[in-house]
Amino acid sequence: MSQFRAKKLDLGCYVNIRNIRDHTKRKVYAQHEPERQALRYLIRNTSLPQRVRAQAQLQLSQMHCYTRYTQIKNRCIMGGKGRGILSDFRMGRYQFRLNALSGNIPGVKKASW
């Protein structure tokens, strides 16, 4: 992981080590995604020789695990929780409720009918 982390992090409000790790994973994934797509295209192309496809498969399997989409997890930017995340706001349920009730989230208010 340290091989990908920048010397100066542009994190904004991230405070938790899990959030820092997730931020790193997102940046690495975005950086390596075109290469992964090209390798997957070579692997699935049946008109290419089997040797080329096998080499592409080997290269894809040797790439770092942070380059995979499945490594990315939605986390609360306030507390780092990994469950109960509202993806539109990137906050956990409880943090969303606290911020909405205090008026920190524009356009969100308590429902009443």
PDB file of N, CA and C in Angstrom:
ATOM      1  N   MET A   1       0.820  -1.184   0.000  1.00  0.00           N
ATOM      2  CA  MET A   1       0.000   0.000   0.000  1.00  0.00           C
ATOM      3  C   MET A   1       0.866   1.250   0.000  1.00  0.00           C
ATOM      4  N   SER A   2       1.962   1.236   0.733  1.00  0.00           N
ATOM      5  CA  SER A   2       2.793   2.433   0.819  1.00  0.00           C
ATOM      6  C   SER A   2       3.418   2.782  -0.529  1.00  0.00           C
ATOM      7  N   GLN A   3       3.497   1.803  -1.438  1.00  0.00           N
ATOM      8  CA  GLN A   3       4.060   2.106  -2.743  1.00  0.00           C
ATOM      9  C   GLN A   3       3.155   3.028  -3.543  1.00  0.00           C
ATOM     10  N   PHE A   4       1.870   3.063  -3.226  1.00  0.00           N
ATOM     11  CA  PHE A   4       0.931   3.905  -3.957  1.00  0.00           C
ATOM     12  C   PHE A   4       0.651   5.230  -3.255  1.00  0.00           C
ATOM     13  N   ARG A   5       0.846   5.289  -1.937  1.00  0.00           N
ATOM     14  CA  ARG A   5       0.465   6.476  -1.191  1.00  0.00           C
ATOM     15  C   ARG A   5       1.385   7.638  -1.541  1.00  0.00           C
ATOM     16  N   ALA A   6       0.788   8.791  -1.782  1.00  0.00           N
ATOM     17  CA  ALA A   6       1.555   9.978  -2.119  1.00  0.00           C
ATOM     18  C   ALA A   6       2.267  10.503  -0.874  1.00  0.00           C
ATOM     19  N   LYS A   7       3.347  11.246  -1.093  1.00  0.00           N
ATOM     20  CA  LYS A   7       4.071  11.816   0.042  1.00  0.00           C
ATOM     21  C   LYS A   7       3.230  12.871   0.743  1.00  0.00           C
ATOM     22  N   LYS A   8       2.491  13.651  -0.042  1.00  0.00           N
ATOM     23  CA  LYS A   8       1.574  14.626   0.533  1.00  0.00           C
ATOM     24  C   LYS A   8       0.170  14.230   0.096  1.00  0.00           C
ATOM     25  N   LEU A   9      -0.687  13.927   1.057  1.00  0.00           N
ATOM     26  CA  LEU A   9      -2.027  13.447   0.754  1.00  0.00           C
ATOM     27  C   LEU A   9      -2.989  14.604   0.560  1.00  0.00           C
ATOM     28  N   ASP A  10      -3.805  14.523  -0.493  1.00  0.00           N
ATOM     29  CA  ASP A  10      -4.839  15.531  -0.742  1.00  0.00           C
ATOM     30  C   ASP A  10      -6.177  14.978  -0.255  1.00  0.00           C
ATOM     31  N   LEU A  11      -6.323  14.896   1.054  1.00  0.00           N
ATOM     32  CA  LEU A  11      -7.442  14.174   1.627  1.00  0.00           C
ATOM     33  C   LEU A  11      -8.606  15.055   2.044  1.00  0.00           C
ATOM     34  N   GLY A  12      -8.397  16.299   2.313  1.00  0.00           N
ATOM     35  CA  GLY A  12      -9.493  17.136   2.762  1.00  0.00           C
ATOM     36  C   GLY A  12      -9.858  16.815   4.192  1.00  0.00           C
ATOM     37  N   CYS A  13     -11.013  16.187   4.395  1.00  0.00           N
ATOM     38  CA  CYS A  13     -11.499  15.953   5.755  1.00  0.00           C
ATOM     39  C   CYS A  13     -11.279  14.522   6.225  1.00  0.00           C
ATOM     40  N   TYR A  14     -10.576  13.686   5.496  1.00  0.00           N
ATOM     41  CA  TYR A  14     -10.386  12.304   5.914  1.00  0.00           C
ATOM     42  C   TYR A  14      -9.465  12.245   7.134  1.00  0.00           C
ATOM     43  N   VAL A  15      -9.905  11.545   8.157  1.00  0.00           N
ATOM     44  CA  VAL A  15      -9.111  11.473   9.375  1.00  0.00           C
ATOM     45  C   VAL A  15      -8.755  10.041   9.738  1.00  0.00           C
ATOM     46  N   ASN A  16      -9.510   9.101   9.302  1.00  0.00           N
ATOM     47  CA  ASN A  16      -9.375   7.717   9.701  1.00  0.00           C
ATOM     48  C   ASN A  16      -8.415   6.985   8.767  1.00  0.00           C
ATOM     49  N   ILE A  17      -7.623   6.047   9.289  1.00  0.00           N
ATOM     50  CA  ILE A  17      -6.679   5.307   8.443  1.00  0.00           C
ATOM     51  C   ILE A  17      -7.424   4.484   7.393  1.00  0.00           C
ATOM     52  N   ARG A  18      -8.616   4.002   7.736  1.00  0.00           N
ATOM     53  CA  ARG A  18      -9.402   3.246   6.753  1.00  0.00           C
ATOM     54  C   ARG A  18      -9.808   4.137   5.591  1.00  0.00           C
ATOM     55  N   ASN A  19     -10.142   5.382   5.892  1.00  0.00           N
ATOM     56  CA  ASN A  19     -10.505   6.321   4.831  1.00  0.00           C
ATOM     57  C   ASN A  19      -9.302   6.666   3.969  1.00  0.00           C
ATOM     58  N   ILE A  20      -8.149   6.790   4.581  1.00  0.00           N
ATOM     59  CA  ILE A  20      -6.931   7.070   3.816  1.00  0.00           C
ATOM     60  C   ILE A  20      -6.636   5.906   2.879  1.00  0.00           C
ATOM     61  N   ARG A  21      -6.783   4.686   3.389  1.00  0.00           N
ATOM     62  CA  ARG A  21      -6.543   3.499   2.572  1.00  0.00           C
ATOM     63  C   ARG A  21      -7.550   3.415   1.428  1.00  0.00           C
ATOM     64  N   ASP A  22      -8.819   3.712   1.713  1.00  0.00           N
ATOM     65  CA  ASP A  22      -9.840   3.660   0.668  1.00  0.00           C
ATOM     66  C   ASP A  22      -9.587   4.743  -0.380  1.00  0.00           C
ATOM     67  N   HIS A  23      -9.152   5.912   0.059  1.00  0.00           N
ATOM     68  CA  HIS A  23      -8.831   6.993  -0.871  1.00  0.00           C
ATOM     69  C   HIS A  23      -7.689   6.565  -1.797  1.00  0.00           C
ATOM     70  N   THR A  24      -6.691   5.916  -1.228  1.00  0.00           N
ATOM     71  CA  THR A  24      -5.560   5.421  -2.009  1.00  0.00           C
ATOM     72  C   THR A  24      -6.028   4.384  -3.019  1.00  0.00           C
ATOM     73  N   LYS A  25      -6.901   3.474  -2.580  1.00  0.00           N
ATOM     74  CA  LYS A  25      -7.412   2.438  -3.481  1.00  0.00           C
ATOM     75  C   LYS A  25      -8.177   3.046  -4.642  1.00  0.00           C
ATOM     76  N   ARG A  26      -8.979   4.062  -4.369  1.00  0.00           N
ATOM     77  CA  ARG A  26      -9.746   4.711  -5.430  1.00  0.00           C
ATOM     78  C   ARG A  26      -8.831   5.382  -6.458  1.00  0.00           C
ATOM     79  N   LYS A  27      -7.786   6.044  -5.983  1.00  0.00           N
ATOM     80  CA  LYS A  27      -6.867   6.704  -6.906  1.00  0.00           C
ATOM     81  C   LYS A  27      -6.101   5.698  -7.751  1.00  0.00           C
ATOM     82  N   VAL A  28      -5.647   4.611  -7.137  1.00  0.00           N
ATOM     83  CA  VAL A  28      -4.891   3.586  -7.861  1.00  0.00           C
ATOM     84  C   VAL A  28      -5.794   2.901  -8.880  1.00  0.00           C
ATOM     85  N   TYR A  29      -7.042   2.628  -8.491  1.00  0.00           N
ATOM     86  CA  TYR A  29      -7.988   1.999  -9.413  1.00  0.00           C
ATOM     87  C   TYR A  29      -8.216   2.896 -10.634  1.00  0.00           C
ATOM     88  N   ALA A  30      -8.446   4.183 -10.402  1.00  0.00           N
ATOM     89  CA  ALA A  30      -8.692   5.103 -11.515  1.00  0.00           C
ATOM     90  C   ALA A  30      -7.475   5.211 -12.425  1.00  0.00           C
ATOM     91  N   GLN A  31      -6.302   5.125 -11.852  1.00  0.00           N
ATOM     92  CA  GLN A  31      -5.074   5.249 -12.637  1.00  0.00           C
ATOM     93  C   GLN A  31      -4.833   4.018 -13.512  1.00  0.00           C
ATOM     94  N   HIS A  32      -5.155   2.821 -13.016  1.00  0.00           N
ATOM     95  CA  HIS A  32      -4.828   1.583 -13.721  1.00  0.00           C
ATOM     96  C   HIS A  32      -6.006   0.958 -14.480  1.00  0.00           C
ATOM     97  N   GLU A  33      -7.167   1.563 -14.415  1.00  0.00           N
ATOM     98  CA  GLU A  33      -8.338   0.957 -15.052  1.00  0.00           C
ATOM     99  C   GLU A  33      -8.204   0.809 -16.571  1.00  0.00           C
ATOM    100  N   PRO A  34      -7.687   1.792 -17.325  1.00  0.00           N
ATOM    101  CA  PRO A  34      -7.548   1.578 -18.785  1.00  0.00           C
ATOM    102  C   PRO A  34      -6.669   0.375 -19.131  1.00  0.00           C
ATOM    103  N   GLU A  35      -5.607   0.190 -18.375  1.00  0.00           N
ATOM    104  CA  GLU A  35      -4.714  -0.946 -18.621  1.00  0.00           C
ATOM    105  C   GLU A  35      -5.435  -2.264 -18.342  1.00  0.00           C
ATOM    106  N   ARG A  36      -6.203  -2.307 -17.266  1.00  0.00           N
ATOM    107  CA  ARG A  36      -6.954  -3.523 -16.939  1.00  0.00           C
ATOM    108  C   ARG A  36      -7.994  -3.830 -18.015  1.00  0.00           C
ATOM    109  N   GLN A  37      -8.670  -2.798 -18.516  1.00  0.00           N
ATOM    110  CA  GLN A  37      -9.665  -3.011 -19.566  1.00  0.00           C
ATOM    111  C   GLN A  37      -9.022  -3.543 -20.839  1.00  0.00           C
ATOM    112  N   ALA A  38      -7.857  -3.029 -21.179  1.00  0.00           N
ATOM    113  CA  ALA A  38      -7.156  -3.502 -22.379  1.00  0.00           C
ATOM    114  C   ALA A  38      -6.764  -4.966 -22.225  1.00  0.00           C
ATOM    115  N   LEU A  39      -6.266  -5.331 -21.059  1.00  0.00           N
ATOM    116  CA  LEU A  39      -5.891  -6.738 -20.833  1.00  0.00           C
ATOM    117  C   LEU A  39      -7.114  -7.649 -20.874  1.00  0.00           C
ATOM    118  N   ARG A  40      -8.210  -7.202 -20.288  1.00  0.00           N
ATOM    119  CA  ARG A  40      -9.430  -8.024 -20.328  1.00  0.00           C
ATOM    120  C   ARG A  40      -9.947  -8.191 -21.750  1.00  0.00           C
ATOM    121  N   TYR A  41      -9.802  -7.143 -22.561  1.00  0.00           N
ATOM    122  CA  TYR A  41     -10.210  -7.246 -23.960  1.00  0.00           C
ATOM    123  C   TYR A  41      -9.351  -8.278 -24.685  1.00  0.00           C
ATOM    124  N   LEU A  42      -8.042  -8.266 -24.445  1.00  0.00           N
ATOM    125  CA  LEU A  42      -7.156  -9.242 -25.087  1.00  0.00           C
ATOM    126  C   LEU A  42      -7.506 -10.663 -24.658  1.00  0.00           C
ATOM    127  N   ILE A  43      -7.824 -10.844 -23.388  1.00  0.00           N
ATOM    128  CA  ILE A  43      -8.143 -12.185 -22.884  1.00  0.00           C
ATOM    129  C   ILE A  43      -9.420 -12.721 -23.518  1.00  0.00           C
ATOM    130  N   ARG A  44     -10.396 -11.870 -23.707  1.00  0.00           N
ATOM    131  CA  ARG A  44     -11.698 -12.318 -24.228  1.00  0.00           C
ATOM    132  C   ARG A  44     -11.754 -12.411 -25.748  1.00  0.00           C
ATOM    133  N   ASN A  45     -10.775 -11.843 -26.430  1.00  0.00           N
ATOM    134  CA  ASN A  45     -10.762 -11.852 -27.887  1.00  0.00           C
ATOM    135  C   ASN A  45     -10.313 -13.239 -28.374  1.00  0.00           C
ATOM    136  N   THR A  46     -11.251 -14.006 -28.918  1.00  0.00           N
ATOM    137  CA  THR A  46     -10.946 -15.378 -29.331  1.00  0.00           C
ATOM    138  C   THR A  46     -10.207 -15.443 -30.665  1.00  0.00           C
ATOM    139  N   SER A  47     -10.130 -14.322 -31.397  1.00  0.00           N
ATOM    140  CA  SER A  47      -9.422 -14.348 -32.681  1.00  0.00           C
ATOM    141  C   SER A  47      -7.903 -14.242 -32.496  1.00  0.00           C
ATOM    142  N   LEU A  48      -7.465 -13.882 -31.310  1.00  0.00           N
ATOM    143  CA  LEU A  48      -6.023 -13.785 -31.042  1.00  0.00           C
ATOM    144  C   LEU A  48      -5.446 -15.168 -30.730  1.00  0.00           C
ATOM    145  N   PRO A  49      -4.140 -15.342 -30.917  1.00  0.00           N
ATOM    146  CA  PRO A  49      -3.513 -16.631 -30.573  1.00  0.00           C
ATOM    147  C   PRO A  49      -3.603 -16.899 -29.065  1.00  0.00           C
ATOM    148  N   GLN A  50      -3.620 -18.153 -28.731  1.00  0.00           N
ATOM    149  CA  GLN A  50      -3.772 -18.556 -27.333  1.00  0.00           C
ATOM    150  C   GLN A  50      -2.605 -18.061 -26.476  1.00  0.00           C
ATOM    151  N   ARG A  51      -1.431 -17.990 -27.036  1.00  0.00           N
ATOM    152  CA  ARG A  51      -0.250 -17.544 -26.291  1.00  0.00           C
ATOM    153  C   ARG A  51      -0.384 -16.081 -25.851  1.00  0.00           C
ATOM    154  N   VAL A  52      -0.866 -15.235 -26.738  1.00  0.00           N
ATOM    155  CA  VAL A  52      -1.063 -13.815 -26.416  1.00  0.00           C
ATOM    156  C   VAL A  52      -2.105 -13.670 -25.322  1.00  0.00           C
ATOM    157  N   ARG A  53      -3.168 -14.432 -25.433  1.00  0.00           N
ATOM    158  CA  ARG A  53      -4.234 -14.370 -24.429  1.00  0.00           C
ATOM    159  C   ARG A  53      -3.726 -14.859 -23.071  1.00  0.00           C
ATOM    160  N   ALA A  54      -2.895 -15.886 -23.069  1.00  0.00           N
ATOM    161  CA  ALA A  54      -2.351 -16.408 -21.816  1.00  0.00           C
ATOM    162  C   ALA A  54      -1.394 -15.394 -21.172  1.00  0.00           C
ATOM    163  N   GLN A  55      -0.610 -14.706 -21.988  1.00  0.00           N
ATOM    164  CA  GLN A  55       0.292 -13.676 -21.455  1.00  0.00           C
ATOM    165  C   GLN A  55      -0.503 -12.519 -20.847  1.00  0.00           C
ATOM    166  N   ALA A  56      -1.586 -12.144 -21.509  1.00  0.00           N
ATOM    167  CA  ALA A  56      -2.437 -11.074 -20.971  1.00  0.00           C
ATOM    168  C   ALA A  56      -3.069 -11.506 -19.655  1.00  0.00           C
ATOM    169  N   GLN A  57      -3.481 -12.765 -19.573  1.00  0.00           N
ATOM    170  CA  GLN A  57      -4.060 -13.291 -18.339  1.00  0.00           C
ATOM    171  C   GLN A  57      -3.029 -13.266 -17.202  1.00  0.00           C
ATOM    172  N   LEU A  58      -1.800 -13.618 -17.528  1.00  0.00           N
ATOM    173  CA  LEU A  58      -0.726 -13.606 -16.531  1.00  0.00           C
ATOM    174  C   LEU A  58      -0.442 -12.186 -16.044  1.00  0.00           C
ATOM    175  N   GLN A  59      -0.392 -11.238 -16.970  1.00  0.00           N
ATOM    176  CA  GLN A  59      -0.163  -9.840 -16.595  1.00  0.00           C
ATOM    177  C   GLN A  59      -1.284  -9.311 -15.708  1.00  0.00           C
ATOM    178  N   LEU A  60      -2.518  -9.669 -16.054  1.00  0.00           N
ATOM    179  CA  LEU A  60      -3.666  -9.208 -15.275  1.00  0.00           C
ATOM    180  C   LEU A  60      -3.651  -9.790 -13.871  1.00  0.00           C
ATOM    181  N   SER A  61      -3.272 -11.048 -13.756  1.00  0.00           N
ATOM    182  CA  SER A  61      -3.256 -11.672 -12.442  1.00  0.00           C
ATOM    183  C   SER A  61      -2.101 -11.169 -11.578  1.00  0.00           C
ATOM    184  N   GLN A  62      -1.057 -10.629 -12.195  1.00  0.00           N
ATOM    185  CA  GLN A  62       0.079 -10.129 -11.434  1.00  0.00           C
ATOM    186  C   GLN A  62      -0.052  -8.659 -11.040  1.00  0.00           C
ATOM    187  N   MET A  63      -1.107  -8.000 -11.487  1.00  0.00           N
ATOM    188  CA  MET A  63      -1.306  -6.602 -11.102  1.00  0.00           C
ATOM    189  C   MET A  63      -1.675  -6.532  -9.622  1.00  0.00           C
ATOM    190  N   HIS A  64      -1.383  -5.410  -9.009  1.00  0.00           N
ATOM    191  CA  HIS A  64      -1.630  -5.225  -7.582  1.00  0.00           C
ATOM    192  C   HIS A  64      -3.127  -5.297  -7.293  1.00  0.00           C
ATOM    193  N   CYS A  65      -3.467  -5.771  -6.101  1.00  0.00           N
ATOM    194  CA  CYS A  65      -4.883  -5.949  -5.763  1.00  0.00           C
ATOM    195  C   CYS A  65      -5.610  -4.610  -5.664  1.00  0.00           C
ATOM    196  N   TYR A  66      -4.915  -3.511  -5.412  1.00  0.00           N
ATOM    197  CA  TYR A  66      -5.578  -2.204  -5.325  1.00  0.00           C
ATOM    198  C   TYR A  66      -6.084  -1.715  -6.676  1.00  0.00           C
ATOM    199  N   THR A  67      -5.671  -2.365  -7.756  1.00  0.00           N
ATOM    200  CA  THR A  67      -6.141  -1.957  -9.073  1.00  0.00           C
ATOM    201  C   THR A  67      -7.497  -2.568  -9.405  1.00  0.00           C
ATOM    202  N   ARG A  68      -8.028  -3.397  -8.515  1.00  0.00           N
ATOM    203  CA  ARG A  68      -9.325  -4.031  -8.753  1.00  0.00           C
ATOM    204  C   ARG A  68     -10.461  -3.186  -8.185  1.00  0.00           C
ATOM    205  N   TYR A  69     -11.602  -3.234  -8.863  1.00  0.00           N
ATOM    206  CA  TYR A  69     -12.775  -2.480  -8.416  1.00  0.00           C
ATOM    207  C   TYR A  69     -13.339  -3.056  -7.123  1.00  0.00           C
ATOM    208  N   THR A  70     -13.188  -4.354  -6.914  1.00  0.00           N
ATOM    209  CA  THR A  70     -13.780  -4.985  -5.745  1.00  0.00           C
ATOM    210  C   THR A  70     -13.099  -4.569  -4.450  1.00  0.00           C
ATOM    211  N   GLN A  71     -11.941  -3.929  -4.531  1.00  0.00           N
ATOM    212  CA  GLN A  71     -11.246  -3.478  -3.332  1.00  0.00           C
ATOM    213  C   GLN A  71     -11.834  -2.188  -2.769  1.00  0.00           C
ATOM    214  N   ILE A  72     -12.592  -1.469  -3.591  1.00  0.00           N
ATOM    215  CA  ILE A  72     -13.149  -0.183  -3.169  1.00  0.00           C
ATOM    216  C   ILE A  72     -14.398  -0.434  -2.332  1.00  0.00           C
ATOM    217  N   LYS A  73     -14.467   0.249  -1.192  1.00  0.00           N
ATOM    218  CA  LYS A  73     -15.616   0.114  -0.297  1.00  0.00           C
ATOM    219  C   LYS A  73     -16.090   1.513   0.066  1.00  0.00           C
ATOM    220  N   ASN A  74     -17.401   1.707   0.037  1.00  0.00           N
ATOM    221  CA  ASN A  74     -17.947   2.988   0.456  1.00  0.00           C
ATOM    222  C   ASN A  74     -17.784   3.130   1.964  1.00  0.00           C
ATOM    223  N   ARG A  75     -17.210   4.232   2.388  1.00  0.00           N
ATOM    224  CA  ARG A  75     -16.998   4.491   3.808  1.00  0.00           C
ATOM    225  C   ARG A  75     -17.505   5.884   4.155  1.00  0.00           C
ATOM    226  N   CYS A  76     -17.917   6.036   5.395  1.00  0.00           N
ATOM    227  CA  CYS A  76     -18.370   7.327   5.899  1.00  0.00           C
ATOM    228  C   CYS A  76     -17.168   8.259   5.984  1.00  0.00           C
ATOM    229  N   ILE A  77     -17.289   9.460   5.414  1.00  0.00           N
ATOM    230  CA  ILE A  77     -16.163  10.393   5.433  1.00  0.00           C
ATOM    231  C   ILE A  77     -16.004  11.039   6.803  1.00  0.00           C
ATOM    232  N   MET A  78     -17.006  10.935   7.640  1.00  0.00           N
ATOM    233  CA  MET A  78     -16.911  11.524   8.986  1.00  0.00           C
ATOM    234  C   MET A  78     -16.255  10.563   9.976  1.00  0.00           C
ATOM    235  N   GLY A  79     -16.717   9.318   9.999  1.00  0.00           N
ATOM    236  CA  GLY A  79     -16.236   8.409  11.027  1.00  0.00           C
ATOM    237  C   GLY A  79     -15.520   7.181  10.524  1.00  0.00           C
ATOM    238  N   GLY A  80     -15.594   6.901   9.236  1.00  0.00           N
ATOM    239  CA  GLY A  80     -14.911   5.745   8.680  1.00  0.00           C
ATOM    240  C   GLY A  80     -15.703   4.454   8.721  1.00  0.00           C
ATOM    241  N   LYS A  81     -16.985   4.515   9.113  1.00  0.00           N
ATOM    242  CA  LYS A  81     -17.792   3.303   9.146  1.00  0.00           C
ATOM    243  C   LYS A  81     -17.919   2.710   7.754  1.00  0.00           C
ATOM    244  N   GLY A  82     -18.000   1.393   7.688  1.00  0.00           N
ATOM    245  CA  GLY A  82     -18.099   0.718   6.404  1.00  0.00           C
ATOM    246  C   GLY A  82     -19.483   0.172   6.099  1.00  0.00           C
ATOM    247  N   ARG A  83     -20.409   0.317   7.035  1.00  0.00           N
ATOM    248  CA  ARG A  83     -21.759  -0.199   6.810  1.00  0.00           C
ATOM    249  C   ARG A  83     -22.777   0.915   7.017  1.00  0.00           C
ATOM    250  N   GLY A  84     -23.914   0.756   6.371  1.00  0.00           N
ATOM    251  CA  GLY A  84     -24.983   1.737   6.530  1.00  0.00           C
ATOM    252  C   GLY A  84     -24.631   3.081   5.931  1.00  0.00           C
ATOM    253  N   ILE A  85     -24.033   3.071   4.749  1.00  0.00           N
ATOM    254  CA  ILE A  85     -23.575   4.300   4.112  1.00  0.00           C
ATOM    255  C   ILE A  85     -24.596   4.758   3.085  1.00  0.00           C
ATOM    256  N   LEU A  86     -24.966   6.032   3.151  1.00  0.00           N
ATOM    257  CA  LEU A  86     -25.800   6.639   2.116  1.00  0.00           C
ATOM    258  C   LEU A  86     -24.847   7.152   1.042  1.00  0.00           C
ATOM    259  N   SER A  87     -24.839   6.485  -0.105  1.00  0.00           N
ATOM    260  CA  SER A  87     -23.795   6.748  -1.104  1.00  0.00           C
ATOM    261  C   SER A  87     -23.903   8.149  -1.708  1.00  0.00           C
ATOM    262  N   ASP A  88     -25.089   8.736  -1.748  1.00  0.00           N
ATOM    263  CA  ASP A  88     -25.215  10.086  -2.300  1.00  0.00           C
ATOM    264  C   ASP A  88     -24.469  11.119  -1.456  1.00  0.00           C
ATOM    265  N   PHE A  89     -24.417  10.875  -0.157  1.00  0.00           N
ATOM    266  CA  PHE A  89     -23.790  11.823   0.757  1.00  0.00           C
ATOM    267  C   PHE A  89     -22.462  11.317   1.309  1.00  0.00           C
ATOM    268  N   ARG A  90     -22.131  10.058   1.077  1.00  0.00           N
ATOM    269  CA  ARG A  90     -20.922   9.404   1.586  1.00  0.00           C
ATOM    270  C   ARG A  90     -20.822   9.536   3.104  1.00  0.00           C
ATOM    271  N   MET A  91     -21.971   9.321   3.754  1.00  0.00           N
ATOM    272  CA  MET A  91     -22.028   9.382   5.211  1.00  0.00           C
ATOM    273  C   MET A  91     -22.782   8.183   5.740  1.00  0.00           C
ATOM    274  N   GLY A  92     -22.443   7.801   6.959  1.00  0.00           N
ATOM    275  CA  GLY A  92     -23.183   6.757   7.642  1.00  0.00           C
ATOM    276  C   GLY A  92     -24.557   7.272   8.043  1.00  0.00           C
ATOM    277  N   ARG A  93     -25.439   6.335   8.386  1.00  0.00           N
ATOM    278  CA  ARG A  93     -26.811   6.720   8.738  1.00  0.00           C
ATOM    279  C   ARG A  93     -26.841   7.712   9.883  1.00  0.00           C
ATOM    280  N   TYR A  94     -26.088   7.419  10.929  1.00  0.00           N
ATOM    281  CA  TYR A  94     -26.138   8.263  12.117  1.00  0.00           C
ATOM    282  C   TYR A  94     -25.534   9.643  11.850  1.00  0.00           C
ATOM    283  N   GLN A  95     -24.396   9.690  11.175  1.00  0.00           N
ATOM    284  CA  GLN A  95     -23.779  10.972  10.846  1.00  0.00           C
ATOM    285  C   GLN A  95     -24.679  11.789   9.932  1.00  0.00           C
ATOM    286  N   PHE A  96     -25.347  11.111   8.995  1.00  0.00           N
ATOM    287  CA  PHE A  96     -26.275  11.806   8.110  1.00  0.00           C
ATOM    288  C   PHE A  96     -27.410  12.426   8.915  1.00  0.00           C
ATOM    289  N   ARG A  97     -27.928  11.671   9.864  1.00  0.00           N
ATOM    290  CA  ARG A  97     -29.034  12.166  10.688  1.00  0.00           C
ATOM    291  C   ARG A  97     -28.598  13.379  11.504  1.00  0.00           C
ATOM    292  N   LEU A  98     -27.438  13.295  12.139  1.00  0.00           N
ATOM    293  CA  LEU A  98     -26.950  14.417  12.936  1.00  0.00           C
ATOM    294  C   LEU A  98     -26.741  15.668  12.084  1.00  0.00           C
ATOM    295  N   ASN A  99     -26.122  15.498  10.941  1.00  0.00           N
ATOM    296  CA  ASN A  99     -25.853  16.651  10.073  1.00  0.00           C
ATOM    297  C   ASN A  99     -27.124  17.214   9.452  1.00  0.00           C
ATOM    298  N   ALA A 100     -28.082  16.341   9.132  1.00  0.00           N
ATOM    299  CA  ALA A 100     -29.338  16.820   8.555  1.00  0.00           C
ATOM    300  C   ALA A 100     -30.145  17.596   9.590  1.00  0.00           C
ATOM    301  N   LEU A 101     -30.199  17.092  10.812  1.00  0.00           N
ATOM    302  CA  LEU A 101     -30.963  17.780  11.856  1.00  0.00           C
ATOM    303  C   LEU A 101     -30.331  19.110  12.248  1.00  0.00           C
ATOM    304  N   SER A 102     -29.018  19.201  12.181  1.00  0.00           N
ATOM    305  CA  SER A 102     -28.359  20.465  12.514  1.00  0.00           C
ATOM    306  C   SER A 102     -28.324  21.429  11.327  1.00  0.00           C
ATOM    307  N   GLY A 103     -28.784  20.976  10.154  1.00  0.00           N
ATOM    308  CA  GLY A 103     -28.873  21.862   8.988  1.00  0.00           C
ATOM    309  C   GLY A 103     -27.589  21.996   8.204  1.00  0.00           C
ATOM    310  N   ASN A 104     -26.668  21.062   8.343  1.00  0.00           N
ATOM    311  CA  ASN A 104     -25.391  21.146   7.634  1.00  0.00           C
ATOM    312  C   ASN A 104     -25.451  20.619   6.210  1.00  0.00           C
ATOM    313  N   ILE A 105     -26.525  19.903   5.858  1.00  0.00           N
ATOM    314  CA  ILE A 105     -26.646  19.341   4.515  1.00  0.00           C
ATOM    315  C   ILE A 105     -27.721  20.140   3.775  1.00  0.00           C
ATOM    316  N   PRO A 106     -27.347  20.878   2.726  1.00  0.00           N
ATOM    317  CA  PRO A 106     -28.332  21.705   2.033  1.00  0.00           C
ATOM    318  C   PRO A 106     -29.375  20.867   1.305  1.00  0.00           C
ATOM    319  N   GLY A 107     -30.615  21.291   1.400  1.00  0.00           N
ATOM    320  CA  GLY A 107     -31.715  20.606   0.719  1.00  0.00           C
ATOM    321  C   GLY A 107     -32.291  19.432   1.461  1.00  0.00           C
ATOM    322  N   VAL A 108     -31.815  19.137   2.645  1.00  0.00           N
ATOM    323  CA  VAL A 108     -32.301  18.002   3.417  1.00  0.00           C
ATOM    324  C   VAL A 108     -32.967  18.536   4.671  1.00  0.00           C
ATOM    325  N   LYS A 109     -34.202  18.106   4.898  1.00  0.00           N
ATOM    326  CA  LYS A 109     -34.871  18.489   6.134  1.00  0.00           C
ATOM    327  C   LYS A 109     -35.725  17.337   6.602  1.00  0.00           C
ATOM    328  N   LYS A 110     -36.113  17.392   7.856  1.00  0.00           N
ATOM    329  CA  LYS A 110     -36.891  16.324   8.465  1.00  0.00           C
ATOM    330  C   LYS A 110     -38.287  16.301   7.845  1.00  0.00           C
ATOM    331  N   ALA A 111     -38.724  15.099   7.523  1.00  0.00           N
ATOM    332  CA  ALA A 111     -40.054  14.979   6.894  1.00  0.00           C
ATOM    333  C   ALA A 111     -41.141  15.152   7.953  1.00  0.00           C
ATOM    334  N   SER A 112     -42.229  15.800   7.546  1.00  0.00           N
ATOM    335  CA  SER A 112     -43.409  15.903   8.414  1.00  0.00           C
ATOM    336  C   SER A 112     -44.634  15.993   7.510  1.00  0.00           C
ATOM    337  N   TRP A 113     -45.619  15.189   7.840  1.00  0.00           N
ATOM    338  CA  TRP A 113     -46.855  15.218   7.054  1.00  0.00           C
ATOM    339  C   TRP A 113     -48.039  14.941   7.909  1.00  0.00           C
TER     340      TRP A 113
END
